[in-house]
């Protein structure tokens, strides 16, 4: 049974040259690039990029609007928290006190 024979340098070089010629042949067979198709692809890419940029800007604007609304709500809540209640007249204070007293009596189940 014959043993494995290592290829010589000349054989390896010949195989490499054949592979190179085959690759060059495939490259020569390719049709040339059509400028109209290339221009259409560039336009499509530019349109897609513009649409993405517009969507990104709209999202950023919505985020800014939401942030502004949140700050406005917080300022409004703080203003309400810091606002003084209106001064009650003596009659209104007495009516409120009587209402609390009556509610307490009802809760306790007074007889």
PDB file of N, CA and C in Angstrom:
ATOM      1  N   UNK A   1       0.839  -1.156   0.000  1.00  0.00           N
ATOM      2  CA  UNK A   1       0.000   0.000   0.000  1.00  0.00           C
ATOM      3  C   UNK A   1       0.898   1.238   0.000  1.00  0.00           C
ATOM      4  N   UNK A   2       0.642   2.172  -0.932  1.00  0.00           N
ATOM      5  CA  UNK A   2       1.519   3.355  -0.990  1.00  0.00           C
ATOM      6  C   UNK A   2       1.188   4.331   0.142  1.00  0.00           C
ATOM      7  N   UNK A   3       2.193   4.953   0.648  1.00  0.00           N
ATOM      8  CA  UNK A   3       1.991   5.920   1.724  1.00  0.00           C
ATOM      9  C   UNK A   3       1.636   7.291   1.127  1.00  0.00           C
ATOM     10  N   UNK A   4       1.174   8.206   1.979  1.00  0.00           N
ATOM     11  CA  UNK A   4       0.789   9.542   1.534  1.00  0.00           C
ATOM     12  C   UNK A   4       2.020  10.280   1.056  1.00  0.00           C
ATOM     13  N   UNK A   5       1.886  10.928  -0.098  1.00  0.00           N
ATOM     14  CA  UNK A   5       3.014  11.655  -0.677  1.00  0.00           C
ATOM     15  C   UNK A   5       2.768  13.150  -0.505  1.00  0.00           C
ATOM     16  N   UNK A   6       3.684  13.830   0.139  1.00  0.00           N
ATOM     17  CA  UNK A   6       3.581  15.281   0.311  1.00  0.00           C
ATOM     18  C   UNK A   6       3.744  15.941  -1.050  1.00  0.00           C
ATOM     19  N   UNK A   7       2.852  16.932  -1.394  1.00  0.00           N
ATOM     20  CA  UNK A   7       3.024  17.608  -2.685  1.00  0.00           C
ATOM     21  C   UNK A   7       4.273  18.487  -2.654  1.00  0.00           C
ATOM     22  N   UNK A   8       4.947  18.552  -3.758  1.00  0.00           N
ATOM     23  CA  UNK A   8       6.177  19.337  -3.830  1.00  0.00           C
ATOM     24  C   UNK A   8       5.817  20.821  -3.978  1.00  0.00           C
ATOM     25  N   UNK A   9       6.831  21.663  -3.900  1.00  0.00           N
ATOM     26  CA  UNK A   9       6.621  23.101  -4.013  1.00  0.00           C
ATOM     27  C   UNK A   9       6.047  23.453  -5.377  1.00  0.00           C
ATOM     28  N   UNK A  10       6.546  22.812  -6.428  1.00  0.00           N
ATOM     29  CA  UNK A  10       6.057  23.100  -7.772  1.00  0.00           C
ATOM     30  C   UNK A  10       4.578  22.718  -7.918  1.00  0.00           C
ATOM     31  N   UNK A  11       4.188  21.608  -7.321  1.00  0.00           N
ATOM     32  CA  UNK A  11       2.780  21.183  -7.404  1.00  0.00           C
ATOM     33  C   UNK A  11       1.878  22.160  -6.649  1.00  0.00           C
ATOM     34  N   UNK A  12       2.315  22.586  -5.464  1.00  0.00           N
ATOM     35  CA  UNK A  12       1.526  23.554  -4.696  1.00  0.00           C
ATOM     36  C   UNK A  12       1.417  24.883  -5.434  1.00  0.00           C
ATOM     37  N   UNK A  13       2.522  25.312  -6.070  1.00  0.00           N
ATOM     38  CA  UNK A  13       2.505  26.569  -6.830  1.00  0.00           C
ATOM     39  C   UNK A  13       1.582  26.451  -8.032  1.00  0.00           C
ATOM     40  N   UNK A  14       1.586  25.321  -8.700  1.00  0.00           N
ATOM     41  CA  UNK A  14       0.711  25.124  -9.860  1.00  0.00           C
ATOM     42  C   UNK A  14      -0.764  25.159  -9.429  1.00  0.00           C
ATOM     43  N   UNK A  15      -1.097  24.518  -8.293  1.00  0.00           N
ATOM     44  CA  UNK A  15      -2.474  24.545  -7.782  1.00  0.00           C
ATOM     45  C   UNK A  15      -2.888  25.971  -7.414  1.00  0.00           C
ATOM     46  N   UNK A  16      -1.955  26.722  -6.828  1.00  0.00           N
ATOM     47  CA  UNK A  16      -2.243  28.106  -6.454  1.00  0.00           C
ATOM     48  C   UNK A  16      -2.487  28.962  -7.689  1.00  0.00           C
ATOM     49  N   UNK A  17      -1.665  28.762  -8.719  1.00  0.00           N
ATOM     50  CA  UNK A  17      -1.848  29.516  -9.967  1.00  0.00           C
ATOM     51  C   UNK A  17      -3.178  29.184 -10.621  1.00  0.00           C
ATOM     52  N   UNK A  18      -3.568  27.919 -10.588  1.00  0.00           N
ATOM     53  CA  UNK A  18      -4.861  27.513 -11.170  1.00  0.00           C
ATOM     54  C   UNK A  18      -6.023  28.174 -10.413  1.00  0.00           C
ATOM     55  N   UNK A  19      -5.935  28.181  -9.104  1.00  0.00           N
ATOM     56  CA  UNK A  19      -6.989  28.791  -8.293  1.00  0.00           C
ATOM     57  C   UNK A  19      -7.071  30.291  -8.567  1.00  0.00           C
ATOM     58  N   UNK A  20      -5.914  30.939  -8.716  1.00  0.00           N
ATOM     59  CA  UNK A  20      -5.892  32.373  -9.007  1.00  0.00           C
ATOM     60  C   UNK A  20      -6.517  32.658 -10.369  1.00  0.00           C
ATOM     61  N   UNK A  21      -6.167  31.850 -11.368  1.00  0.00           N
ATOM     62  CA  UNK A  21      -6.728  32.049 -12.709  1.00  0.00           C
ATOM     63  C   UNK A  21      -8.241  31.822 -12.706  1.00  0.00           C
ATOM     64  N   UNK A  22      -8.698  30.844 -11.940  1.00  0.00           N
ATOM     65  CA  UNK A  22     -10.133  30.570 -11.850  1.00  0.00           C
ATOM     66  C   UNK A  22     -10.856  31.763 -11.209  1.00  0.00           C
ATOM     67  N   UNK A  23     -10.290  32.330 -10.129  1.00  0.00           N
ATOM     68  CA  UNK A  23     -10.898  33.478  -9.453  1.00  0.00           C
ATOM     69  C   UNK A  23     -10.922  34.688 -10.376  1.00  0.00           C
ATOM     70  N   UNK A  24      -9.842  34.913 -11.123  1.00  0.00           N
ATOM     71  CA  UNK A  24      -9.809  36.026 -12.062  1.00  0.00           C
ATOM     72  C   UNK A  24     -10.836  35.846 -13.175  1.00  0.00           C
ATOM     73  N   UNK A  25     -11.007  34.619 -13.624  1.00  0.00           N
ATOM     74  CA  UNK A  25     -12.007  34.330 -14.654  1.00  0.00           C
ATOM     75  C   UNK A  25     -13.413  34.647 -14.162  1.00  0.00           C
ATOM     76  N   UNK A  26     -13.706  34.275 -12.916  1.00  0.00           N
ATOM     77  CA  UNK A  26     -15.025  34.585 -12.350  1.00  0.00           C
ATOM     78  C   UNK A  26     -15.217  36.100 -12.243  1.00  0.00           C
ATOM     79  N   UNK A  27     -14.155  36.814 -11.873  1.00  0.00           N
ATOM     80  CA  UNK A  27     -14.242  38.257 -11.741  1.00  0.00           C
ATOM     81  C   UNK A  27     -14.488  38.915 -13.095  1.00  0.00           C
ATOM     82  N   UNK A  28     -13.855  38.407 -14.131  1.00  0.00           N
ATOM     83  CA  UNK A  28     -14.042  38.961 -15.481  1.00  0.00           C
ATOM     84  C   UNK A  28     -15.442  38.687 -16.005  1.00  0.00           C
ATOM     85  N   UNK A  29     -16.052  37.591 -15.562  1.00  0.00           N
ATOM     86  CA  UNK A  29     -17.383  37.232 -16.037  1.00  0.00           C
ATOM     87  C   UNK A  29     -18.472  38.110 -15.448  1.00  0.00           C
ATOM     88  N   UNK A  30     -18.188  38.781 -14.342  1.00  0.00           N
ATOM     89  CA  UNK A  30     -19.200  39.617 -13.707  1.00  0.00           C
ATOM     90  C   UNK A  30     -19.598  40.758 -14.636  1.00  0.00           C
ATOM     91  N   UNK A  31     -20.898  41.072 -14.690  1.00  0.00           N
ATOM     92  CA  UNK A  31     -21.313  42.200 -15.521  1.00  0.00           C
ATOM     93  C   UNK A  31     -20.879  43.515 -14.871  1.00  0.00           C
ATOM     94  N   UNK A  32     -20.660  44.536 -15.662  1.00  0.00           N
ATOM     95  CA  UNK A  32     -20.255  45.814 -15.083  1.00  0.00           C
ATOM     96  C   UNK A  32     -21.405  46.421 -14.266  1.00  0.00           C
ATOM     97  N   UNK A  33     -21.060  47.264 -13.317  1.00  0.00           N
ATOM     98  CA  UNK A  33     -22.049  47.896 -12.452  1.00  0.00           C
ATOM     99  C   UNK A  33     -22.819  48.939 -13.262  1.00  0.00           C
ATOM    100  N   UNK A  34     -24.147  48.849 -13.204  1.00  0.00           N
ATOM    101  CA  UNK A  34     -25.005  49.799 -13.915  1.00  0.00           C
ATOM    102  C   UNK A  34     -25.153  51.051 -13.049  1.00  0.00           C
ATOM    103  N   UNK A  35     -24.805  52.196 -13.592  1.00  0.00           N
ATOM    104  CA  UNK A  35     -24.854  53.443 -12.830  1.00  0.00           C
ATOM    105  C   UNK A  35     -26.276  53.814 -12.426  1.00  0.00           C
ATOM    106  N   UNK A  36     -27.263  53.496 -13.262  1.00  0.00           N
ATOM    107  CA  UNK A  36     -28.655  53.826 -12.936  1.00  0.00           C
ATOM    108  C   UNK A  36     -29.117  53.021 -11.711  1.00  0.00           C
ATOM    109  N   UNK A  37     -28.757  51.748 -11.678  1.00  0.00           N
ATOM    110  CA  UNK A  37     -29.127  50.906 -10.536  1.00  0.00           C
ATOM    111  C   UNK A  37     -28.415  51.398  -9.283  1.00  0.00           C
ATOM    112  N   UNK A  38     -27.157  51.750  -9.432  1.00  0.00           N
ATOM    113  CA  UNK A  38     -26.386  52.257  -8.302  1.00  0.00           C
ATOM    114  C   UNK A  38     -26.982  53.569  -7.780  1.00  0.00           C
ATOM    115  N   UNK A  39     -27.381  54.466  -8.685  1.00  0.00           N
ATOM    116  CA  UNK A  39     -27.983  55.738  -8.275  1.00  0.00           C
ATOM    117  C   UNK A  39     -29.322  55.496  -7.573  1.00  0.00           C
ATOM    118  N   UNK A  40     -30.123  54.548  -8.074  1.00  0.00           N
ATOM    119  CA  UNK A  40     -31.404  54.238  -7.441  1.00  0.00           C
ATOM    120  C   UNK A  40     -31.175  53.682  -6.031  1.00  0.00           C
ATOM    121  N   UNK A  41     -30.179  52.857  -5.873  1.00  0.00           N
ATOM    122  CA  UNK A  41     -29.873  52.297  -4.554  1.00  0.00           C
ATOM    123  C   UNK A  41     -29.427  53.398  -3.599  1.00  0.00           C
ATOM    124  N   UNK A  42     -28.634  54.335  -4.095  1.00  0.00           N
ATOM    125  CA  UNK A  42     -28.194  55.457  -3.250  1.00  0.00           C
ATOM    126  C   UNK A  42     -29.384  56.317  -2.828  1.00  0.00           C
ATOM    127  N   UNK A  43     -30.306  56.571  -3.764  1.00  0.00           N
ATOM    128  CA  UNK A  43     -31.497  57.363  -3.441  1.00  0.00           C
ATOM    129  C   UNK A  43     -32.354  56.649  -2.395  1.00  0.00           C
ATOM    130  N   UNK A  44     -32.514  55.337  -2.550  1.00  0.00           N
ATOM    131  CA  UNK A  44     -33.303  54.569  -1.587  1.00  0.00           C
ATOM    132  C   UNK A  44     -32.646  54.619  -0.208  1.00  0.00           C
ATOM    133  N   UNK A  45     -31.334  54.513  -0.189  1.00  0.00           N
ATOM    134  CA  UNK A  45     -30.609  54.572   1.081  1.00  0.00           C
ATOM    135  C   UNK A  45     -30.774  55.952   1.721  1.00  0.00           C
ATOM    136  N   UNK A  46     -30.672  57.010   0.920  1.00  0.00           N
ATOM    137  CA  UNK A  46     -30.822  58.368   1.450  1.00  0.00           C
ATOM    138  C   UNK A  46     -32.242  58.589   1.981  1.00  0.00           C
ATOM    139  N   UNK A  47     -33.247  58.062   1.255  1.00  0.00           N
ATOM    140  CA  UNK A  47     -34.637  58.211   1.703  1.00  0.00           C
ATOM    141  C   UNK A  47     -34.853  57.466   3.017  1.00  0.00           C
ATOM    142  N   UNK A  48     -34.279  56.269   3.124  1.00  0.00           N
ATOM    143  CA  UNK A  48     -34.415  55.490   4.348  1.00  0.00           C
ATOM    144  C   UNK A  48     -33.749  56.209   5.518  1.00  0.00           C
ATOM    145  N   UNK A  49     -32.570  56.771   5.285  1.00  0.00           N
ATOM    146  CA  UNK A  49     -31.868  57.516   6.331  1.00  0.00           C
ATOM    147  C   UNK A  49     -32.664  58.749   6.753  1.00  0.00           C
ATOM    148  N   UNK A  50     -33.277  59.438   5.778  1.00  0.00           N
ATOM    149  CA  UNK A  50     -34.082  60.619   6.102  1.00  0.00           C
ATOM    150  C   UNK A  50     -35.294  60.229   6.938  1.00  0.00           C
ATOM    151  N   UNK A  51     -35.934  59.117   6.592  1.00  0.00           N
ATOM    152  CA  UNK A  51     -37.099  58.657   7.347  1.00  0.00           C
ATOM    153  C   UNK A  51     -36.694  58.288   8.773  1.00  0.00           C
ATOM    154  N   UNK A  52     -35.571  57.622   8.914  1.00  0.00           N
ATOM    155  CA  UNK A  52     -35.092  57.256  10.251  1.00  0.00           C
ATOM    156  C   UNK A  52     -34.756  58.497  11.076  1.00  0.00           C
ATOM    157  N   UNK A  53     -34.138  59.488  10.443  1.00  0.00           N
ATOM    158  CA  UNK A  53     -33.798  60.722  11.153  1.00  0.00           C
ATOM    159  C   UNK A  53     -35.062  61.457  11.583  1.00  0.00           C
ATOM    160  N   UNK A  54     -36.071  61.477  10.709  1.00  0.00           N
ATOM    161  CA  UNK A  54     -37.335  62.131  11.040  1.00  0.00           C
ATOM    162  C   UNK A  54     -38.017  61.424  12.214  1.00  0.00           C
ATOM    163  N   UNK A  55     -38.016  60.095  12.190  1.00  0.00           N
ATOM    164  CA  UNK A  55     -38.619  59.341  13.282  1.00  0.00           C
ATOM    165  C   UNK A  55     -37.856  59.581  14.584  1.00  0.00           C
ATOM    166  N   UNK A  56     -36.538  59.642  14.487  1.00  0.00           N
ATOM    167  CA  UNK A  56     -35.710  59.888  15.669  1.00  0.00           C
ATOM    168  C   UNK A  56     -36.004  61.277  16.243  1.00  0.00           C
ATOM    169  N   UNK A  57     -36.138  62.278  15.366  1.00  0.00           N
ATOM    170  CA  UNK A  57     -36.447  63.629  15.823  1.00  0.00           C
ATOM    171  C   UNK A  57     -37.837  63.700  16.448  1.00  0.00           C
ATOM    172  N   UNK A  58     -38.802  63.003  15.847  1.00  0.00           N
ATOM    173  CA  UNK A  58     -40.162  62.998  16.404  1.00  0.00           C
ATOM    174  C   UNK A  58     -40.169  62.354  17.784  1.00  0.00           C
ATOM    175  N   UNK A  59     -39.418  61.265  17.934  1.00  0.00           N
ATOM    176  CA  UNK A  59     -39.348  60.587  19.228  1.00  0.00           C
ATOM    177  C   UNK A  59     -38.697  61.495  20.272  1.00  0.00           C
ATOM    178  N   UNK A  60     -37.643  62.197  19.863  1.00  0.00           N
ATOM    179  CA  UNK A  60     -36.959  63.111  20.782  1.00  0.00           C
ATOM    180  C   UNK A  60     -37.893  64.257  21.183  1.00  0.00           C
ATOM    181  N   UNK A  61     -38.651  64.781  20.224  1.00  0.00           N
ATOM    182  CA  UNK A  61     -39.583  65.869  20.517  1.00  0.00           C
ATOM    183  C   UNK A  61     -40.683  65.393  21.463  1.00  0.00           C
ATOM    184  N   UNK A  62     -41.179  64.167  21.249  1.00  0.00           N
ATOM    185  CA  UNK A  62     -42.210  63.621  22.134  1.00  0.00           C
ATOM    186  C   UNK A  62     -41.663  63.456  23.544  1.00  0.00           C
ATOM    187  N   UNK A  63     -40.422  63.003  23.648  1.00  0.00           N
ATOM    188  CA  UNK A  63     -39.799  62.846  24.956  1.00  0.00           C
ATOM    189  C   UNK A  63     -39.648  64.197  25.657  1.00  0.00           C
ATOM    190  N   UNK A  64     -39.243  65.222  24.896  1.00  0.00           N
ATOM    191  CA  UNK A  64     -39.091  66.553  25.465  1.00  0.00           C
ATOM    192  C   UNK A  64     -40.446  67.113  25.915  1.00  0.00           C
ATOM    193  N   UNK A  65     -41.488  66.880  25.099  1.00  0.00           N
ATOM    194  CA  UNK A  65     -42.834  67.336  25.445  1.00  0.00           C
ATOM    195  C   UNK A  65     -43.307  66.656  26.729  1.00  0.00           C
ATOM    196  N   UNK A  66     -43.074  65.346  26.810  1.00  0.00           N
ATOM    197  CA  UNK A  66     -43.471  64.595  28.010  1.00  0.00           C
ATOM    198  C   UNK A  66     -42.727  65.113  29.241  1.00  0.00           C
ATOM    199  N   UNK A  67     -41.449  65.407  29.061  1.00  0.00           N
ATOM    200  CA  UNK A  67     -40.649  65.918  30.167  1.00  0.00           C
ATOM    201  C   UNK A  67     -41.168  67.285  30.615  1.00  0.00           C
ATOM    202  N   UNK A  68     -41.512  68.150  29.654  1.00  0.00           N
ATOM    203  CA  UNK A  68     -42.041  69.476  29.986  1.00  0.00           C
ATOM    204  C   UNK A  68     -43.380  69.352  30.710  1.00  0.00           C
ATOM    205  N   UNK A  69     -44.246  68.444  30.255  1.00  0.00           N
ATOM    206  CA  UNK A  69     -45.535  68.243  30.906  1.00  0.00           C
ATOM    207  C   UNK A  69     -45.346  67.733  32.335  1.00  0.00           C
ATOM    208  N   UNK A  70     -44.380  66.832  32.511  1.00  0.00           N
ATOM    209  CA  UNK A  70     -44.111  66.288  33.840  1.00  0.00           C
ATOM    210  C   UNK A  70     -43.618  67.391  34.784  1.00  0.00           C
ATOM    211  N   UNK A  71     -42.747  68.265  34.277  1.00  0.00           N
ATOM    212  CA  UNK A  71     -42.265  69.378  35.090  1.00  0.00           C
ATOM    213  C   UNK A  71     -43.400  70.342  35.429  1.00  0.00           C
ATOM    214  N   UNK A  72     -44.295  70.566  34.465  1.00  0.00           N
ATOM    215  CA  UNK A  72     -45.429  71.460  34.719  1.00  0.00           C
ATOM    216  C   UNK A  72     -46.351  70.866  35.788  1.00  0.00           C
ATOM    217  N   UNK A  73     -46.605  69.547  35.701  1.00  0.00           N
ATOM    218  CA  UNK A  73     -47.447  68.895  36.709  1.00  0.00           C
ATOM    219  C   UNK A  73     -46.791  68.978  38.082  1.00  0.00           C
ATOM    220  N   UNK A  74     -45.470  68.785  38.135  1.00  0.00           N
ATOM    221  CA  UNK A  74     -44.761  68.852  39.419  1.00  0.00           C
ATOM    222  C   UNK A  74     -44.827  70.263  39.992  1.00  0.00           C
ATOM    223  N   UNK A  75     -44.669  71.271  39.136  1.00  0.00           N
ATOM    224  CA  UNK A  75     -44.732  72.658  39.606  1.00  0.00           C
ATOM    225  C   UNK A  75     -46.138  72.981  40.102  1.00  0.00           C
ATOM    226  N   UNK A  76     -47.142  72.488  39.386  1.00  0.00           N
ATOM    227  CA  UNK A  76     -48.529  72.721  39.796  1.00  0.00           C
ATOM    228  C   UNK A  76     -48.813  72.052  41.146  1.00  0.00           C
ATOM    229  N   UNK A  77     -48.339  70.817  41.306  1.00  0.00           N
ATOM    230  CA  UNK A  77     -48.542  70.101  42.564  1.00  0.00           C
ATOM    231  C   UNK A  77     -47.839  70.816  43.712  1.00  0.00           C
ATOM    232  N   UNK A  78     -46.647  71.327  43.447  1.00  0.00           N
ATOM    233  CA  UNK A  78     -45.912  72.048  44.487  1.00  0.00           C
ATOM    234  C   UNK A  78     -46.625  73.350  44.841  1.00  0.00           C
ATOM    235  N   UNK A  79     -47.160  74.022  43.831  1.00  0.00           N
ATOM    236  CA  UNK A  79     -47.881  75.266  44.090  1.00  0.00           C
ATOM    237  C   UNK A  79     -49.127  74.984  44.928  1.00  0.00           C
ATOM    238  N   UNK A  80     -49.817  73.886  44.610  1.00  0.00           N
ATOM    239  CA  UNK A  80     -50.997  73.536  45.402  1.00  0.00           C
ATOM    240  C   UNK A  80     -50.621  73.172  46.838  1.00  0.00           C
ATOM    241  N   UNK A  81     -49.493  72.501  47.003  1.00  0.00           N
ATOM    242  CA  UNK A  81     -49.067  72.091  48.339  1.00  0.00           C
ATOM    243  C   UNK A  81     -48.671  73.303  49.180  1.00  0.00           C
ATOM    244  N   UNK A  82     -48.083  74.301  48.536  1.00  0.00           N
ATOM    245  CA  UNK A  82     -47.628  75.481  49.258  1.00  0.00           C
ATOM    246  C   UNK A  82     -48.703  76.549  49.410  1.00  0.00           C
ATOM    247  N   UNK A  83     -49.812  76.376  48.716  1.00  0.00           N
ATOM    248  CA  UNK A  83     -50.870  77.396  48.771  1.00  0.00           C
ATOM    249  C   UNK A  83     -51.556  77.357  50.135  1.00  0.00           C
ATOM    250  N   UNK A  84     -51.895  78.544  50.635  1.00  0.00           N
ATOM    251  CA  UNK A  84     -52.601  78.638  51.914  1.00  0.00           C
ATOM    252  C   UNK A  84     -54.078  78.394  51.669  1.00  0.00           C
ATOM    253  N   UNK A  85     -54.711  77.692  52.579  1.00  0.00           N
ATOM    254  CA  UNK A  85     -56.153  77.527  52.425  1.00  0.00           C
ATOM    255  C   UNK A  85     -56.828  78.881  52.646  1.00  0.00           C
ATOM    256  N   UNK A  86     -57.953  79.096  52.030  1.00  0.00           N
ATOM    257  CA  UNK A  86     -58.624  80.385  52.197  1.00  0.00           C
ATOM    258  C   UNK A  86     -59.088  80.553  53.654  1.00  0.00           C
ATOM    259  N   UNK A  87     -59.063  81.775  54.102  1.00  0.00           N
ATOM    260  CA  UNK A  87     -59.482  82.075  55.467  1.00  0.00           C
ATOM    261  C   UNK A  87     -60.987  81.859  55.590  1.00  0.00           C
ATOM    262  N   UNK A  88     -61.381  81.134  56.625  1.00  0.00           N
ATOM    263  CA  UNK A  88     -62.799  80.871  56.854  1.00  0.00           C
ATOM    264  C   UNK A  88     -63.373  81.900  57.825  1.00  0.00           C
ATOM    265  N   UNK A  89     -64.603  82.195  57.619  1.00  0.00           N
ATOM    266  CA  UNK A  89     -65.277  83.094  58.559  1.00  0.00           C
ATOM    267  C   UNK A  89     -65.624  82.312  59.826  1.00  0.00           C
ATOM    268  N   UNK A  90     -66.014  83.052  60.859  1.00  0.00           N
ATOM    269  CA  UNK A  90     -66.355  82.384  62.115  1.00  0.00           C
ATOM    270  C   UNK A  90     -67.534  81.433  61.939  1.00  0.00           C
ATOM    271  N   UNK A  91     -68.501  81.820  61.130  1.00  0.00           N
ATOM    272  CA  UNK A  91     -69.678  80.970  60.911  1.00  0.00           C
ATOM    273  C   UNK A  91     -69.276  79.682  60.186  1.00  0.00           C
ATOM    274  N   UNK A  92     -68.363  79.809  59.217  1.00  0.00           N
ATOM    275  CA  UNK A  92     -67.915  78.615  58.490  1.00  0.00           C
ATOM    276  C   UNK A  92     -67.107  77.693  59.402  1.00  0.00           C
ATOM    277  N   UNK A  93     -66.268  78.271  60.260  1.00  0.00           N
ATOM    278  CA  UNK A  93     -65.502  77.466  61.206  1.00  0.00           C
ATOM    279  C   UNK A  93     -66.437  76.713  62.148  1.00  0.00           C
ATOM    280  N   UNK A  94     -67.489  77.400  62.650  1.00  0.00           N
ATOM    281  CA  UNK A  94     -68.444  76.766  63.554  1.00  0.00           C
ATOM    282  C   UNK A  94     -69.191  75.649  62.852  1.00  0.00           C
ATOM    283  N   UNK A  95     -69.559  75.855  61.560  1.00  0.00           N
ATOM    284  CA  UNK A  95     -70.277  74.832  60.796  1.00  0.00           C
ATOM    285  C   UNK A  95     -69.383  73.605  60.591  1.00  0.00           C
ATOM    286  N   UNK A  96     -68.110  73.823  60.316  1.00  0.00           N
ATOM    287  CA  UNK A  96     -67.183  72.710  60.117  1.00  0.00           C
ATOM    288  C   UNK A  96     -66.982  71.949  61.419  1.00  0.00           C
ATOM    289  N   UNK A  97     -66.849  72.685  62.524  1.00  0.00           N
ATOM    290  CA  UNK A  97     -66.668  72.051  63.831  1.00  0.00           C
ATOM    291  C   UNK A  97     -67.906  71.231  64.203  1.00  0.00           C
ATOM    292  N   UNK A  98     -69.081  71.769  63.948  1.00  0.00           N
ATOM    293  CA  UNK A  98     -70.324  71.050  64.242  1.00  0.00           C
ATOM    294  C   UNK A  98     -70.436  69.792  63.389  1.00  0.00           C
ATOM    295  N   UNK A  99     -69.994  69.878  62.135  1.00  0.00           N
ATOM    296  CA  UNK A  99     -70.061  68.713  61.245  1.00  0.00           C
ATOM    297  C   UNK A  99     -69.120  67.624  61.742  1.00  0.00           C
ATOM    298  N   UNK A 100     -67.941  68.005  62.202  1.00  0.00           N
ATOM    299  CA  UNK A 100     -67.002  67.008  62.738  1.00  0.00           C
ATOM    300  C   UNK A 100     -67.572  66.365  63.999  1.00  0.00           C
ATOM    301  N   UNK A 101     -68.156  67.172  64.854  1.00  0.00           N
ATOM    302  CA  UNK A 101     -68.750  66.666  66.087  1.00  0.00           C
ATOM    303  C   UNK A 101     -69.871  65.684  65.792  1.00  0.00           C
ATOM    304  N   UNK A 102     -70.727  66.034  64.841  1.00  0.00           N
ATOM    305  CA  UNK A 102     -71.836  65.161  64.471  1.00  0.00           C
ATOM    306  C   UNK A 102     -71.318  63.850  63.867  1.00  0.00           C
ATOM    307  N   UNK A 103     -70.287  63.939  63.031  1.00  0.00           N
ATOM    308  CA  UNK A 103     -69.717  62.737  62.415  1.00  0.00           C
ATOM    309  C   UNK A 103     -69.119  61.830  63.479  1.00  0.00           C
ATOM    310  N   UNK A 104     -68.467  62.404  64.490  1.00  0.00           N
ATOM    311  CA  UNK A 104     -67.876  61.603  65.549  1.00  0.00           C
ATOM    312  C   UNK A 104     -68.968  60.903  66.360  1.00  0.00           C
ATOM    313  N   UNK A 105     -70.045  61.614  66.637  1.00  0.00           N
ATOM    314  CA  UNK A 105     -71.152  61.015  67.377  1.00  0.00           C
ATOM    315  C   UNK A 105     -71.752  59.852  66.605  1.00  0.00           C
ATOM    316  N   UNK A 106     -71.884  60.011  65.292  1.00  0.00           N
ATOM    317  CA  UNK A 106     -72.465  58.949  64.465  1.00  0.00           C
ATOM    318  C   UNK A 106     -71.530  57.739  64.436  1.00  0.00           C
ATOM    319  N   UNK A 107     -70.227  57.988  64.344  1.00  0.00           N
ATOM    320  CA  UNK A 107     -69.261  56.887  64.298  1.00  0.00           C
ATOM    321  C   UNK A 107     -69.274  56.086  65.600  1.00  0.00           C
ATOM    322  N   UNK A 108     -69.334  56.786  66.704  1.00  0.00           N
ATOM    323  CA  UNK A 108     -69.300  56.109  67.992  1.00  0.00           C
ATOM    324  C   UNK A 108     -70.630  55.420  68.295  1.00  0.00           C
ATOM    325  N   UNK A 109     -71.656  55.786  67.568  1.00  0.00           N
ATOM    326  CA  UNK A 109     -72.950  55.161  67.788  1.00  0.00           C
ATOM    327  C   UNK A 109     -73.600  55.672  69.065  1.00  0.00           C
ATOM    328  N   UNK A 110     -73.563  56.939  69.229  1.00  0.00           N
ATOM    329  CA  UNK A 110     -74.136  57.556  70.405  1.00  0.00           C
ATOM    330  C   UNK A 110     -75.605  57.219  70.537  1.00  0.00           C
ATOM    331  N   UNK A 111     -76.094  57.047  71.799  1.00  0.00           N
ATOM    332  CA  UNK A 111     -77.467  56.616  72.010  1.00  0.00           C
ATOM    333  C   UNK A 111     -78.384  57.736  72.140  1.00  0.00           C
TER     334      UNK A 111
END
